[in-house]
C-alpha atoms as a PDB file:
ATOM      1  CA  MET A   1      12.918   1.555   2.948  1.00  0.00           C
ATOM      2  CA  ILE A   2       9.807   0.030   1.757  1.00  0.00           C
ATOM      3  CA  GLN A   3       9.012   1.232  -2.010  1.00  0.00           C
ATOM      4  CA  LEU A   4       5.262   1.943  -2.989  1.00  0.00           C
ATOM      5  CA  GLN A   5       3.463   1.285  -6.790  1.00  0.00           C
ATOM      6  CA  TYR A   6       0.229   1.897  -6.758  1.00  0.00           C
ATOM      7  CA  PHE A   7      -1.406   0.903 -10.387  1.00  0.00           C
ATOM      8  CA  ALA A   8      -5.353   1.647 -12.699  1.00  0.00           C
ATOM      9  CA  ARG A   9      -7.904   3.437 -10.655  1.00  0.00           C
ATOM     10  CA  TYR A  10      -5.700   4.299  -6.980  1.00  0.00           C
ATOM     11  CA  ARG A  11      -2.844   5.819  -9.487  1.00  0.00           C
ATOM     12  CA  GLU A  12      -5.490   7.827 -10.757  1.00  0.00           C
ATOM     13  CA  ALA A  13      -6.578   9.410  -7.775  1.00  0.00           C
ATOM     14  CA  LEU A  14      -3.426   9.912  -6.145  1.00  0.00           C
ATOM     15  CA  GLY A  15      -1.630  11.478  -9.112  1.00  0.00           C
ATOM     16  CA  LEU A  16       0.809   9.231  -8.303  1.00  0.00           C
ATOM     17  CA  ASP A  17       2.319   6.163  -9.293  1.00  0.00           C
ATOM     18  CA  SER A  18       5.245   5.108  -6.464  1.00  0.00           C
ATOM     19  CA  GLU A  19       6.871   6.201  -3.846  1.00  0.00           C
ATOM     20  CA  ALA A  20       9.639   5.797  -0.908  1.00  0.00           C
ATOM     21  CA  LEU A  21       8.415   5.803   2.513  1.00  0.00           C
ATOM     22  CA  PRO A  22      11.469   4.502   5.737  1.00  0.00           C
ATOM     23  CA  TRP A  23      10.244   1.647   7.329  1.00  0.00           C
ATOM     24  CA  THR A  24      10.694   1.565  10.619  1.00  0.00           C
ATOM     25  CA  PRO A  25       8.414  -1.607  13.271  1.00  0.00           C
ATOM     26  CA  ALA A  26       5.271   0.222  13.355  1.00  0.00           C
ATOM     27  CA  LEU A  27       5.213  -1.379   9.595  1.00  0.00           C
ATOM     28  CA  ALA A  28       4.400  -4.257  11.377  1.00  0.00           C
ATOM     29  CA  ARG A  29       2.020  -5.413   8.469  1.00  0.00           C
ATOM     30  CA  LEU A  30       1.335  -4.393   5.074  1.00  0.00           C
ATOM     31  CA  ASP A  31      -2.330  -3.510   7.347  1.00  0.00           C
ATOM     32  CA  ASP A  32      -0.188  -0.593   8.813  1.00  0.00           C
ATOM     33  CA  LEU A  33       1.064   0.462   6.892  1.00  0.00           C
ATOM     34  CA  ARG A  34      -2.449   1.214   4.602  1.00  0.00           C
ATOM     35  CA  GLN A  35      -3.758   2.431   7.891  1.00  0.00           C
ATOM     36  CA  LEU A  36      -0.300   5.022   7.562  1.00  0.00           C
ATOM     37  CA  LEU A  37      -1.851   5.961   4.685  1.00  0.00           C
ATOM     38  CA  LEU A  38      -5.137   6.044   5.613  1.00  0.00           C
ATOM     39  CA  ALA A  39      -4.148   8.575   7.740  1.00  0.00           C
ATOM     40  CA  ARG A  40      -3.273  11.258   5.139  1.00  0.00           C
ATOM     41  CA  GLY A  41      -6.976  11.754   3.993  1.00  0.00           C
ATOM     42  CA  GLY A  42      -7.989  13.185   1.292  1.00  0.00           C
ATOM     43  CA  ALA A  43      -8.237  10.849  -1.689  1.00  0.00           C
ATOM     44  CA  TRP A  44      -6.244   8.344   0.291  1.00  0.00           C
ATOM     45  CA  SER A  45      -9.753   7.285   1.224  1.00  0.00           C
ATOM     46  CA  VAL A  46      -9.481   5.000  -1.841  1.00  0.00           C
ATOM     47  CA  LEU A  47      -7.086   2.264  -0.391  1.00  0.00           C
ATOM     48  CA  ASP A  48     -10.397   1.566   2.732  1.00  0.00           C
ATOM     49  CA  GLU A  49     -12.464  -0.336   0.003  1.00  0.00           C
ATOM     50  CA  GLN A  50     -13.150  -3.891   0.739  1.00  0.00           C
ATOM     51  CA  ASN A  51     -11.718  -5.033  -2.202  1.00  0.00           C
ATOM     52  CA  LEU A  52      -8.479  -3.830  -2.537  1.00  0.00           C
ATOM     53  CA  MET A  53      -5.796  -5.567  -3.433  1.00  0.00           C
ATOM     54  CA  CYS A  54      -2.171  -5.930  -2.626  1.00  0.00           C
ATOM     55  CA  ALA A  55       1.539  -7.465  -3.801  1.00  0.00           C
ATOM     56  CA  ARG A  56       4.220  -7.403  -1.077  1.00  0.00           C
ATOM     57  CA  ASN A  57       7.794  -8.376  -3.016  1.00  0.00           C
ATOM     58  CA  GLN A  58       5.453  -9.128  -6.830  1.00  0.00           C
ATOM     59  CA  GLU A  59       3.247 -11.715  -4.593  1.00  0.00           C
ATOM     60  CA  LEU A  60       0.009 -11.518  -3.630  1.00  0.00           C
ATOM     61  CA  CYS A  61      -1.164 -11.316  -0.233  1.00  0.00           C
ATOM     62  CA  SER A  62      -3.647 -10.120   2.729  1.00  0.00           C
ATOM     63  CA  LEU A  63      -3.375  -6.760   4.557  1.00  0.00           C
ATOM     64  CA  ASP A  64      -1.880  -9.260   7.443  1.00  0.00           C
ATOM     65  CA  THR A  65       1.249  -9.964   6.034  1.00  0.00           C
ATOM     66  CA  PRO A  66       4.845  -9.202   7.544  1.00  0.00           C
ATOM     67  CA  LEU A  67       6.526  -6.023   5.895  1.00  0.00           C
ATOM     68  CA  GLU A  68      10.507  -5.735   6.546  1.00  0.00           C
ATOM     69  CA  ASP A  69      12.768  -3.007   5.138  1.00  0.00           C
ATOM     70  CA  GLY A  70      12.975  -3.579   2.088  1.00  0.00           C
ATOM     71  CA  ASP A  71       9.977  -4.849   0.330  1.00  0.00           C
ATOM     72  CA  GLU A  72       7.675  -3.675  -2.248  1.00  0.00           C
ATOM     73  CA  VAL A  73       4.757  -3.558  -1.905  1.00  0.00           C
ATOM     74  CA  ALA A  74       1.565  -2.673  -4.579  1.00  0.00           C
ATOM     75  CA  PHE A  75      -2.061  -1.540  -4.611  1.00  0.00           C
ATOM     76  CA  PHE A  76      -4.419  -2.258  -6.854  1.00  0.00           C
ATOM     77  CA  PRO A  77      -8.188  -2.699  -7.445  1.00  0.00           C
ATOM     78  CA  THR A  78     -10.175  -6.055  -8.018  1.00  0.00           C
ATOM     79  CA  VAL A  79     -10.605  -6.507 -11.989  1.00  0.00           C
END
């Protein structure tokens, strides 16, 4: 399972602050997860910003960061 958290403007746009998604090998990197979320369409396009910030297990990271089952991922806009 991947635990997701959305902060600030993203939380407001998506109407939720967190969710859990099953981890699969297709979610090898953080950007794979982001692409899965973007495919939902509509308000999810907010995660397509160039200045998107993210964290894996409470450490800032890039979209190239590998993901593993049990990770916690947070998305938040730059300040």
